[in-house]
PDB file of all heavy atoms in Angstrom:
ATOM      1  N   ALA A   1      37.033 120.540 411.976  1.00  0.00           N
ATOM      2  CA  ALA A   1      37.217 119.426 412.903  1.00  0.00           C
ATOM      3  C   ALA A   1      38.437 119.535 413.797  1.00  0.00           C
ATOM      4  O   ALA A   1      38.541 118.807 414.783  1.00  0.00           O
ATOM      5  CB  ALA A   1      37.231 118.097 412.132  1.00  0.00           C
ATOM      6  N   ARG A   2      39.317 120.503 413.501  1.00  0.00           N
ATOM      7  CA  ARG A   2      40.446 120.800 414.390  1.00  0.00           C
ATOM      8  C   ARG A   2      39.924 121.358 415.733  1.00  0.00           C
ATOM      9  O   ARG A   2      40.654 121.324 416.713  1.00  0.00           O
ATOM     10  CB  ARG A   2      41.406 121.756 413.724  1.00  0.00           C
ATOM     11  CG  ARG A   2      42.105 121.247 412.471  1.00  0.00           C
ATOM     12  CD  ARG A   2      43.113 122.316 411.962  1.00  0.00           C
ATOM     13  NE  ARG A   2      44.146 122.508 412.899  1.00  0.00           N
ATOM     14  CZ  ARG A   2      45.338 121.940 412.783  1.00  0.00           C
ATOM     15  NH1 ARG A   2      45.621 121.133 411.792  1.00  0.00           N
ATOM     16  NH2 ARG A   2      46.311 122.205 413.696  1.00  0.00           N
ATOM     17  N   HIS A   3      38.736 121.952 415.672  1.00  0.00           N
ATOM     18  CA  HIS A   3      38.133 122.630 416.834  1.00  0.00           C
ATOM     19  C   HIS A   3      36.830 121.920 417.121  1.00  0.00           C
ATOM     20  O   HIS A   3      35.795 122.262 416.538  1.00  0.00           O
ATOM     21  CB  HIS A   3      37.946 124.110 416.492  1.00  0.00           C
ATOM     22  CG  HIS A   3      37.535 124.949 417.624  1.00  0.00           C
ATOM     23  ND1 HIS A   3      36.846 124.491 418.730  1.00  0.00           N
ATOM     24  CD2 HIS A   3      37.721 126.280 417.837  1.00  0.00           C
ATOM     25  CE1 HIS A   3      36.592 125.519 419.563  1.00  0.00           C
ATOM     26  NE2 HIS A   3      37.128 126.619 419.033  1.00  0.00           N
ATOM     27  N   GLN A   4      36.841 120.931 418.004  1.00  0.00           N
ATOM     28  CA  GLN A   4      35.695 120.077 418.211  1.00  0.00           C
ATOM     29  C   GLN A   4      34.405 120.787 418.538  1.00  0.00           C
ATOM     30  O   GLN A   4      33.355 120.528 417.968  1.00  0.00           O
ATOM     31  CB  GLN A   4      36.057 119.044 419.281  1.00  0.00           C
ATOM     32  CG  GLN A   4      34.948 117.979 419.559  1.00  0.00           C
ATOM     33  CD  GLN A   4      34.907 116.948 418.433  1.00  0.00           C
ATOM     34  OE1 GLN A   4      35.825 116.802 417.633  1.00  0.00           O
ATOM     35  NE2 GLN A   4      33.784 116.283 418.365  1.00  0.00           N
ATOM     36  N   HIS A   5      34.500 121.736 419.528  1.00  0.00           N
ATOM     37  CA  HIS A   5      33.244 122.423 419.936  1.00  0.00           C
ATOM     38  C   HIS A   5      32.696 123.266 418.806  1.00  0.00           C
ATOM     39  O   HIS A   5      31.479 123.315 418.603  1.00  0.00           O
ATOM     40  CB  HIS A   5      33.549 123.248 421.156  1.00  0.00           C
ATOM     41  CG  HIS A   5      33.961 122.429 422.331  1.00  0.00           C
ATOM     42  ND1 HIS A   5      33.137 121.421 422.878  1.00  0.00           N
ATOM     43  CD2 HIS A   5      35.057 122.509 423.142  1.00  0.00           C
ATOM     44  CE1 HIS A   5      33.760 120.907 423.917  1.00  0.00           C
ATOM     45  NE2 HIS A   5      34.895 121.517 424.069  1.00  0.00           N
ATOM     46  N   LEU A   6      33.590 123.936 418.062  1.00  0.00           N
ATOM     47  CA  LEU A   6      33.149 124.731 416.919  1.00  0.00           C
ATOM     48  C   LEU A   6      32.513 123.826 415.887  1.00  0.00           C
ATOM     49  O   LEU A   6      31.443 124.189 415.340  1.00  0.00           O
ATOM     50  CB  LEU A   6      34.338 125.501 416.333  1.00  0.00           C
ATOM     51  CG  LEU A   6      34.081 126.301 415.060  1.00  0.00           C
ATOM     52  CD1 LEU A   6      33.100 127.479 415.358  1.00  0.00           C
ATOM     53  CD2 LEU A   6      35.362 126.819 414.452  1.00  0.00           C
ATOM     54  N   ALA A   7      33.135 122.740 415.576  1.00  0.00           N
ATOM     55  CA  ALA A   7      32.604 121.846 414.543  1.00  0.00           C
ATOM     56  C   ALA A   7      31.239 121.344 414.923  1.00  0.00           C
ATOM     57  O   ALA A   7      30.313 121.245 414.042  1.00  0.00           O
ATOM     58  CB  ALA A   7      33.549 120.649 414.336  1.00  0.00           C
ATOM     59  N   GLU A   8      31.002 120.988 416.154  1.00  0.00           N
ATOM     60  CA  GLU A   8      29.701 120.530 416.585  1.00  0.00           C
ATOM     61  C   GLU A   8      28.643 121.596 416.406  1.00  0.00           C
ATOM     62  O   GLU A   8      27.530 121.346 415.926  1.00  0.00           O
ATOM     63  CB  GLU A   8      29.765 120.117 418.085  1.00  0.00           C
ATOM     64  CG  GLU A   8      30.648 118.886 418.377  1.00  0.00           C
ATOM     65  CD  GLU A   8      29.930 117.585 418.023  1.00  0.00           C
ATOM     66  OE1 GLU A   8      28.769 117.621 417.627  1.00  0.00           O
ATOM     67  OE2 GLU A   8      30.556 116.526 418.212  1.00  0.00           O
ATOM     68  N   ALA A   9      28.961 122.828 416.797  1.00  0.00           N
ATOM     69  CA  ALA A   9      28.035 123.906 416.652  1.00  0.00           C
ATOM     70  C   ALA A   9      27.722 124.222 415.207  1.00  0.00           C
ATOM     71  O   ALA A   9      26.572 124.460 414.800  1.00  0.00           O
ATOM     72  CB  ALA A   9      28.556 125.172 417.364  1.00  0.00           C
ATOM     73  N   LEU A  10      28.771 124.266 414.384  1.00  0.00           N
ATOM     74  CA  LEU A  10      28.586 124.582 412.981  1.00  0.00           C
ATOM     75  C   LEU A  10      27.776 123.506 412.265  1.00  0.00           C
ATOM     76  O   LEU A  10      27.009 123.768 411.358  1.00  0.00           O
ATOM     77  CB  LEU A  10      29.949 124.702 412.315  1.00  0.00           C
ATOM     78  CG  LEU A  10      30.770 125.939 412.678  1.00  0.00           C
ATOM     79  CD1 LEU A  10      32.159 125.848 412.012  1.00  0.00           C
ATOM     80  CD2 LEU A  10      30.093 127.226 412.330  1.00  0.00           C
ATOM     81  N   HIS A  11      27.948 122.266 412.672  1.00  0.00           N
ATOM     82  CA  HIS A  11      27.250 121.147 412.027  1.00  0.00           C
ATOM     83  C   HIS A  11      25.735 121.357 412.175  1.00  0.00           C
ATOM     84  O   HIS A  11      24.960 121.173 411.240  1.00  0.00           O
ATOM     85  CB  HIS A  11      27.674 119.811 412.608  1.00  0.00           C
ATOM     86  CG  HIS A  11      26.863 118.682 412.141  1.00  0.00           C
ATOM     87  ND1 HIS A  11      26.740 118.375 410.768  1.00  0.00           N
ATOM     88  CD2 HIS A  11      26.113 117.760 412.779  1.00  0.00           C
ATOM     89  CE1 HIS A  11      25.950 117.302 410.624  1.00  0.00           C
ATOM     90  NE2 HIS A  11      25.546 116.944 411.810  1.00  0.00           N
ATOM     91  N   GLY A  12      25.298 121.707 413.372  1.00  0.00           N
ATOM     92  CA  GLY A  12      23.873 121.884 413.605  1.00  0.00           C
ATOM     93  C   GLY A  12      23.313 122.991 412.721  1.00  0.00           C
ATOM     94  O   GLY A  12      22.235 122.792 412.091  1.00  0.00           O
ATOM     95  N   TRP A  13      23.986 124.128 412.695  1.00  0.00           N
ATOM     96  CA  TRP A  13      23.425 125.232 411.892  1.00  0.00           C
ATOM     97  C   TRP A  13      23.564 124.967 410.389  1.00  0.00           C
ATOM     98  O   TRP A  13      22.615 125.245 409.663  1.00  0.00           O
ATOM     99  CB  TRP A  13      24.167 126.522 412.254  1.00  0.00           C
ATOM    100  CG  TRP A  13      23.644 127.731 411.514  1.00  0.00           C
ATOM    101  CD1 TRP A  13      24.348 128.507 410.673  1.00  0.00           C
ATOM    102  CD2 TRP A  13      22.326 128.260 411.581  1.00  0.00           C
ATOM    103  NE1 TRP A  13      23.556 129.501 410.165  1.00  0.00           N
ATOM    104  CE2 TRP A  13      22.311 129.381 410.752  1.00  0.00           C
ATOM    105  CE3 TRP A  13      21.202 127.938 412.290  1.00  0.00           C
ATOM    106  CZ2 TRP A  13      21.157 130.164 410.568  1.00  0.00           C
ATOM    107  CZ3 TRP A  13      20.030 128.710 412.109  1.00  0.00           C
ATOM    108  CH2 TRP A  13      20.051 129.783 411.261  1.00  0.00           C
ATOM    109  N   GLY A  14      24.696 124.464 409.964  1.00  0.00           N
ATOM    110  CA  GLY A  14      24.894 124.171 408.588  1.00  0.00           C
ATOM    111  C   GLY A  14      23.942 123.120 408.050  1.00  0.00           C
ATOM    112  O   GLY A  14      23.476 123.197 406.918  1.00  0.00           O
ATOM    113  N   SER A  15      23.644 122.127 408.859  1.00  0.00           N
ATOM    114  CA  SER A  15      22.654 121.129 408.481  1.00  0.00           C
ATOM    115  C   SER A  15      21.265 121.711 408.229  1.00  0.00           C
ATOM    116  O   SER A  15      20.579 121.339 407.281  1.00  0.00           O
ATOM    117  CB  SER A  15      22.591 120.010 409.559  1.00  0.00           C
ATOM    118  OG  SER A  15      23.784 119.359 409.724  1.00  0.00           O
ATOM    119  N   TYR A  16      20.913 122.677 409.021  1.00  0.00           N
ATOM    120  CA  TYR A  16      19.623 123.365 408.802  1.00  0.00           C
ATOM    121  C   TYR A  16      19.662 124.128 407.481  1.00  0.00           C
ATOM    122  O   TYR A  16      18.722 124.048 406.675  1.00  0.00           O
ATOM    123  CB  TYR A  16      19.322 124.307 409.935  1.00  0.00           C
ATOM    124  CG  TYR A  16      18.162 125.216 409.605  1.00  0.00           C
ATOM    125  CD1 TYR A  16      16.865 124.742 409.621  1.00  0.00           C
ATOM    126  CD2 TYR A  16      18.361 126.552 409.299  1.00  0.00           C
ATOM    127  CE1 TYR A  16      15.772 125.558 409.287  1.00  0.00           C
ATOM    128  CE2 TYR A  16      17.287 127.390 408.954  1.00  0.00           C
ATOM    129  CZ  TYR A  16      15.985 126.890 408.953  1.00  0.00           C
ATOM    130  OH  TYR A  16      14.950 127.677 408.606  1.00  0.00           O
ATOM    131  N   GLN A  17      20.725 124.861 407.218  1.00  0.00           N
ATOM    132  CA  GLN A  17      20.809 125.699 406.050  1.00  0.00           C
ATOM    133  C   GLN A  17      20.724 124.907 404.770  1.00  0.00           C
ATOM    134  O   GLN A  17      20.247 125.435 403.742  1.00  0.00           O
ATOM    135  CB  GLN A  17      22.098 126.515 406.042  1.00  0.00           C
ATOM    136  CG  GLN A  17      22.234 127.513 407.223  1.00  0.00           C
ATOM    137  CD  GLN A  17      21.462 128.793 406.958  1.00  0.00           C
ATOM    138  OE1 GLN A  17      20.472 128.818 406.242  1.00  0.00           O
ATOM    139  NE2 GLN A  17      21.942 129.887 407.519  1.00  0.00           N
ATOM    140  N   LEU A  18      21.204 123.682 404.749  1.00  0.00           N
ATOM    141  CA  LEU A  18      21.195 122.871 403.557  1.00  0.00           C
ATOM    142  C   LEU A  18      20.066 121.823 403.577  1.00  0.00           C
ATOM    143  O   LEU A  18      20.063 120.914 402.724  1.00  0.00           O
ATOM    144  CB  LEU A  18      22.548 122.160 403.372  1.00  0.00           C
ATOM    145  CG  LEU A  18      23.734 123.122 403.163  1.00  0.00           C
ATOM    146  CD1 LEU A  18      25.009 122.319 402.982  1.00  0.00           C
ATOM    147  CD2 LEU A  18      23.503 124.049 401.983  1.00  0.00           C
ATOM    148  N   SER A  19      19.120 121.919 404.476  1.00  0.00           N
ATOM    149  CA  SER A  19      18.089 120.907 404.603  1.00  0.00           C
ATOM    150  C   SER A  19      16.751 121.425 403.985  1.00  0.00           C
ATOM    151  O   SER A  19      16.596 122.593 403.696  1.00  0.00           O
ATOM    152  CB  SER A  19      17.839 120.563 406.043  1.00  0.00           C
ATOM    153  OG  SER A  19      17.154 121.584 406.752  1.00  0.00           O
ATOM    154  N   ARG A  20      15.777 120.521 403.953  1.00  0.00           N
ATOM    155  CA  ARG A  20      14.414 120.900 403.506  1.00  0.00           C
ATOM    156  C   ARG A  20      13.703 121.686 404.556  1.00  0.00           C
ATOM    157  O   ARG A  20      12.599 122.187 404.297  1.00  0.00           O
ATOM    158  CB  ARG A  20      13.661 119.619 403.134  1.00  0.00           C
ATOM    159  CG  ARG A  20      14.236 118.915 401.912  1.00  0.00           C
ATOM    160  CD  ARG A  20      13.429 117.684 401.545  1.00  0.00           C
ATOM    161  NE  ARG A  20      13.993 117.020 400.409  1.00  0.00           N
ATOM    162  CZ  ARG A  20      13.506 115.906 399.855  1.00  0.00           C
ATOM    163  NH1 ARG A  20      12.462 115.326 400.402  1.00  0.00           N
ATOM    164  NH2 ARG A  20      14.100 115.347 398.801  1.00  0.00           N
ATOM    165  N   ARG A  21      14.209 121.798 405.788  1.00  0.00           N
ATOM    166  CA  ARG A  21      13.621 122.605 406.797  1.00  0.00           C
ATOM    167  C   ARG A  21      13.747 124.101 406.474  1.00  0.00           C
ATOM    168  O   ARG A  21      12.945 124.894 406.944  1.00  0.00           O
ATOM    169  CB  ARG A  21      14.206 122.305 408.172  1.00  0.00           C
ATOM    170  CG  ARG A  21      13.924 120.914 408.682  1.00  0.00           C
ATOM    171  CD  ARG A  21      14.699 120.672 409.941  1.00  0.00           C
ATOM    172  NE  ARG A  21      16.160 120.569 409.692  1.00  0.00           N
ATOM    173  CZ  ARG A  21      17.073 120.756 410.605  1.00  0.00           C
ATOM    174  NH1 ARG A  21      16.755 121.085 411.833  1.00  0.00           N
ATOM    175  NH2 ARG A  21      18.332 120.636 410.239  1.00  0.00           N
ATOM    176  N   LEU A  22      14.749 124.460 405.694  1.00  0.00           N
ATOM    177  CA  LEU A  22      14.962 125.842 405.292  1.00  0.00           C
ATOM    178  C   LEU A  22      13.744 126.280 404.493  1.00  0.00           C
ATOM    179  O   LEU A  22      13.222 125.559 403.636  1.00  0.00           O
ATOM    180  CB  LEU A  22      16.225 125.960 404.472  1.00  0.00           C
ATOM    181  CG  LEU A  22      16.666 127.385 404.109  1.00  0.00           C
ATOM    182  CD1 LEU A  22      17.286 128.094 405.280  1.00  0.00           C
ATOM    183  CD2 LEU A  22      17.652 127.371 402.933  1.00  0.00           C
ATOM    184  N   GLY A  23      13.235 127.493 404.739  1.00  0.00           N
ATOM    185  CA  GLY A  23      12.074 127.991 404.067  1.00  0.00           C
ATOM    186  C   GLY A  23      12.295 128.237 402.570  1.00  0.00           C
ATOM    187  O   GLY A  23      11.289 128.308 401.828  1.00  0.00           O
ATOM    188  N   LEU A  24      13.518 128.445 402.182  1.00  0.00           N
ATOM    189  CA  LEU A  24      13.829 128.662 400.763  1.00  0.00           C
ATOM    190  C   LEU A  24      14.108 127.356 400.070  1.00  0.00           C
ATOM    191  O   LEU A  24      14.746 126.467 400.630  1.00  0.00           O
ATOM    192  CB  LEU A  24      15.046 129.539 400.659  1.00  0.00           C
ATOM    193  CG  LEU A  24      14.950 130.965 401.293  1.00  0.00           C
ATOM    194  CD1 LEU A  24      16.323 131.629 401.312  1.00  0.00           C
ATOM    195  CD2 LEU A  24      13.927 131.789 400.563  1.00  0.00           C
ATOM    196  N   GLY A  25      13.623 127.236 398.821  1.00  0.00           N
ATOM    197  CA  GLY A  25      13.868 126.000 398.063  1.00  0.00           C
ATOM    198  C   GLY A  25      15.324 125.918 397.549  1.00  0.00           C
ATOM    199  O   GLY A  25      16.110 126.890 397.745  1.00  0.00           O
ATOM    200  N   LEU A  26      15.655 124.833 396.950  1.00  0.00           N
ATOM    201  CA  LEU A  26      17.038 124.591 396.501  1.00  0.00           C
ATOM    202  C   LEU A  26      17.524 125.667 395.577  1.00  0.00           C
ATOM    203  O   LEU A  26      18.648 126.198 395.741  1.00  0.00           O
ATOM    204  CB  LEU A  26      17.115 123.219 395.834  1.00  0.00           C
ATOM    205  CG  LEU A  26      18.471 122.856 395.152  1.00  0.00           C
ATOM    206  CD1 LEU A  26      19.530 122.761 396.217  1.00  0.00           C
ATOM    207  CD2 LEU A  26      18.364 121.528 394.391  1.00  0.00           C
ATOM    208  N   ARG A  27      16.728 126.070 394.593  1.00  0.00           N
ATOM    209  CA  ARG A  27      17.165 127.120 393.654  1.00  0.00           C
ATOM    210  C   ARG A  27      17.416 128.429 394.389  1.00  0.00           C
ATOM    211  O   ARG A  27      18.415 129.091 394.146  1.00  0.00           O
ATOM    212  CB  ARG A  27      16.152 127.237 392.551  1.00  0.00           C
ATOM    213  CG  ARG A  27      16.556 128.279 391.494  1.00  0.00           C
ATOM    214  CD  ARG A  27      15.567 128.412 390.354  1.00  0.00           C
ATOM    215  NE  ARG A  27      15.919 129.432 389.416  1.00  0.00           N
ATOM    216  CZ  ARG A  27      16.704 129.270 388.363  1.00  0.00           C
ATOM    217  NH1 ARG A  27      17.268 128.083 388.156  1.00  0.00           N
ATOM    218  NH2 ARG A  27      16.992 130.282 387.548  1.00  0.00           N
ATOM    219  N   ASP A  28      16.430 128.855 395.180  1.00  0.00           N
ATOM    220  CA  ASP A  28      16.573 130.074 395.932  1.00  0.00           C
ATOM    221  C   ASP A  28      17.870 130.066 396.757  1.00  0.00           C
ATOM    222  O   ASP A  28      18.661 130.992 396.755  1.00  0.00           O
ATOM    223  CB  ASP A  28      15.399 130.277 396.908  1.00  0.00           C
ATOM    224  CG  ASP A  28      14.072 130.504 396.219  1.00  0.00           C
ATOM    225  OD1 ASP A  28      14.049 130.789 394.975  1.00  0.00           O
ATOM    226  OD2 ASP A  28      13.029 130.363 396.884  1.00  0.00           O
ATOM    227  N   ARG A  29      18.039 128.995 397.475  1.00  0.00           N
ATOM    228  CA  ARG A  29      19.198 128.826 398.348  1.00  0.00           C
ATOM    229  C   ARG A  29      20.486 128.951 397.594  1.00  0.00           C
ATOM    230  O   ARG A  29      21.433 129.668 398.002  1.00  0.00           O
ATOM    231  CB  ARG A  29      19.131 127.477 399.031  1.00  0.00           C
ATOM    232  CG  ARG A  29      20.221 127.161 400.020  1.00  0.00           C
ATOM    233  CD  ARG A  29      20.182 125.694 400.408  1.00  0.00           C
ATOM    234  NE  ARG A  29      20.950 124.903 399.430  1.00  0.00           N
ATOM    235  CZ  ARG A  29      20.897 123.573 399.359  1.00  0.00           C
ATOM    236  NH1 ARG A  29      20.097 122.908 400.182  1.00  0.00           N
ATOM    237  NH2 ARG A  29      21.633 122.911 398.447  1.00  0.00           N
ATOM    238  N   GLU A  30      20.602 128.269 396.443  1.00  0.00           N
ATOM    239  CA  GLU A  30      21.867 128.259 395.717  1.00  0.00           C
ATOM    240  C   GLU A  30      22.171 129.601 395.046  1.00  0.00           C
ATOM    241  O   GLU A  30      23.295 129.987 394.951  1.00  0.00           O
ATOM    242  CB  GLU A  30      21.853 127.101 394.697  1.00  0.00           C
ATOM    243  CG  GLU A  30      21.950 125.747 395.359  1.00  0.00           C
ATOM    244  CD  GLU A  30      23.145 125.592 396.308  1.00  0.00           C
ATOM    245  OE1 GLU A  30      24.302 125.876 395.838  1.00  0.00           O
ATOM    246  OE2 GLU A  30      22.954 125.230 397.449  1.00  0.00           O
ATOM    247  N   ILE A  31      21.086 130.316 394.625  1.00  0.00           N
ATOM    248  CA  ILE A  31      21.357 131.644 394.087  1.00  0.00           C
ATOM    249  C   ILE A  31      21.985 132.551 395.169  1.00  0.00           C
ATOM    250  O   ILE A  31      22.963 133.241 394.905  1.00  0.00           O
ATOM    251  CB  ILE A  31      20.029 132.275 393.555  1.00  0.00           C
ATOM    252  CG1 ILE A  31      19.602 131.571 392.261  1.00  0.00           C
ATOM    253  CG2 ILE A  31      20.141 133.758 393.357  1.00  0.00           C
ATOM    254  CD1 ILE A  31      18.275 131.981 391.732  1.00  0.00           C
ATOM    255  N   VAL A  32      21.446 132.501 396.355  1.00  0.00           N
ATOM    256  CA  VAL A  32      21.989 133.331 397.425  1.00  0.00           C
ATOM    257  C   VAL A  32      23.401 132.886 397.803  1.00  0.00           C
ATOM    258  O   VAL A  32      24.305 133.743 397.963  1.00  0.00           O
ATOM    259  CB  VAL A  32      21.084 133.245 398.680  1.00  0.00           C
ATOM    260  CG1 VAL A  32      21.697 133.978 399.833  1.00  0.00           C
ATOM    261  CG2 VAL A  32      19.707 133.857 398.372  1.00  0.00           C
ATOM    262  N   ILE A  33      23.648 131.599 397.921  1.00  0.00           N
ATOM    263  CA  ILE A  33      24.971 131.097 398.297  1.00  0.00           C
ATOM    264  C   ILE A  33      25.997 131.381 397.223  1.00  0.00           C
ATOM    265  O   ILE A  33      27.097 131.933 397.492  1.00  0.00           O
ATOM    266  CB  ILE A  33      24.902 129.589 398.567  1.00  0.00           C
ATOM    267  CG1 ILE A  33      24.111 129.307 399.833  1.00  0.00           C
ATOM    268  CG2 ILE A  33      26.322 129.029 398.683  1.00  0.00           C
ATOM    269  CD1 ILE A  33      23.837 127.817 400.091  1.00  0.00           C
ATOM    270  N   ASP A  34      25.658 131.065 395.938  1.00  0.00           N
ATOM    271  CA  ASP A  34      26.638 131.322 394.884  1.00  0.00           C
ATOM    272  C   ASP A  34      26.996 132.796 394.746  1.00  0.00           C
ATOM    273  O   ASP A  34      28.160 133.165 394.544  1.00  0.00           O
ATOM    274  CB  ASP A  34      26.074 130.787 393.541  1.00  0.00           C
ATOM    275  CG  ASP A  34      25.880 129.294 393.543  1.00  0.00           C
ATOM    276  OD1 ASP A  34      26.441 128.613 394.424  1.00  0.00           O
ATOM    277  OD2 ASP A  34      25.173 128.797 392.673  1.00  0.00           O
ATOM    278  N   ARG A  35      25.954 133.629 394.831  1.00  0.00           N
ATOM    279  CA  ARG A  35      26.221 135.104 394.721  1.00  0.00           C
ATOM    280  C   ARG A  35      27.027 135.579 395.892  1.00  0.00           C
ATOM    281  O   ARG A  35      28.016 136.388 395.691  1.00  0.00           O
ATOM    282  CB  ARG A  35      24.880 135.831 394.656  1.00  0.00           C
ATOM    283  CG  ARG A  35      24.992 137.341 394.449  1.00  0.00           C
ATOM    284  CD  ARG A  35      25.641 137.663 393.134  1.00  0.00           C
ATOM    285  NE  ARG A  35      25.360 139.029 392.737  1.00  0.00           N
ATOM    286  CZ  ARG A  35      25.694 139.526 391.551  1.00  0.00           C
ATOM    287  NH1 ARG A  35      26.284 138.750 390.674  1.00  0.00           N
ATOM    288  NH2 ARG A  35      25.437 140.787 391.231  1.00  0.00           N
ATOM    289  N   THR A  36      26.719 135.159 397.100  1.00  0.00           N
ATOM    290  CA  THR A  36      27.498 135.611 398.257  1.00  0.00           C
ATOM    291  C   THR A  36      28.964 135.198 398.131  1.00  0.00           C
ATOM    292  O   THR A  36      29.867 136.011 398.357  1.00  0.00           O
ATOM    293  CB  THR A  36      26.855 135.028 399.536  1.00  0.00           C
ATOM    294  OG1 THR A  36      25.507 135.489 399.650  1.00  0.00           O
ATOM    295  CG2 THR A  36      27.679 135.442 400.750  1.00  0.00           C
ATOM    296  N   CYS A  37      29.168 133.962 397.766  1.00  0.00           N
ATOM    297  CA  CYS A  37      30.568 133.499 397.672  1.00  0.00           C
ATOM    298  C   CYS A  37      31.318 134.217 396.588  1.00  0.00           C
ATOM    299  O   CYS A  37      32.512 134.512 396.717  1.00  0.00           O
ATOM    300  CB  CYS A  37      30.545 131.949 397.454  1.00  0.00           C
ATOM    301  SG  CYS A  37      30.002 131.000 398.855  1.00  0.00           S
ATOM    302  N   ALA A  38      30.663 134.467 395.435  1.00  0.00           N
ATOM    303  CA  ALA A  38      31.299 135.214 394.369  1.00  0.00           C
ATOM    304  C   ALA A  38      31.646 136.613 394.776  1.00  0.00           C
ATOM    305  O   ALA A  38      32.757 137.130 394.551  1.00  0.00           O
ATOM    306  CB  ALA A  38      30.434 135.230 393.144  1.00  0.00           C
ATOM    307  N   LEU A  39      30.716 137.305 395.441  1.00  0.00           N
ATOM    308  CA  LEU A  39      30.962 138.649 395.938  1.00  0.00           C
ATOM    309  C   LEU A  39      32.127 138.714 396.910  1.00  0.00           C
ATOM    310  O   LEU A  39      32.909 139.658 396.944  1.00  0.00           O
ATOM    311  CB  LEU A  39      29.701 139.239 396.593  1.00  0.00           C
ATOM    312  CG  LEU A  39      28.551 139.620 395.640  1.00  0.00           C
ATOM    313  CD1 LEU A  39      27.291 139.919 396.466  1.00  0.00           C
ATOM    314  CD2 LEU A  39      28.921 140.757 394.715  1.00  0.00           C
ATOM    315  N   CYS A  40      32.232 137.667 397.751  1.00  0.00           N
ATOM    316  CA  CYS A  40      33.327 137.593 398.687  1.00  0.00           C
ATOM    317  C   CYS A  40      34.647 137.083 398.075  1.00  0.00           C
ATOM    318  O   CYS A  40      35.662 137.036 398.754  1.00  0.00           O
ATOM    319  CB  CYS A  40      32.947 136.662 399.842  1.00  0.00           C
ATOM    320  SG  CYS A  40      31.649 137.331 400.913  1.00  0.00           S
TER     321      CYS A  40
END
């Protein structure tokens, strides 16, 4: 939110990634996210 234009853009994409519009279900999504964050 320190960077208004960035925050607006990220909100749109992030909302999709965590929504039911994503083709992957909740479990699939969280396996990918948790693994990625751990690897990083």
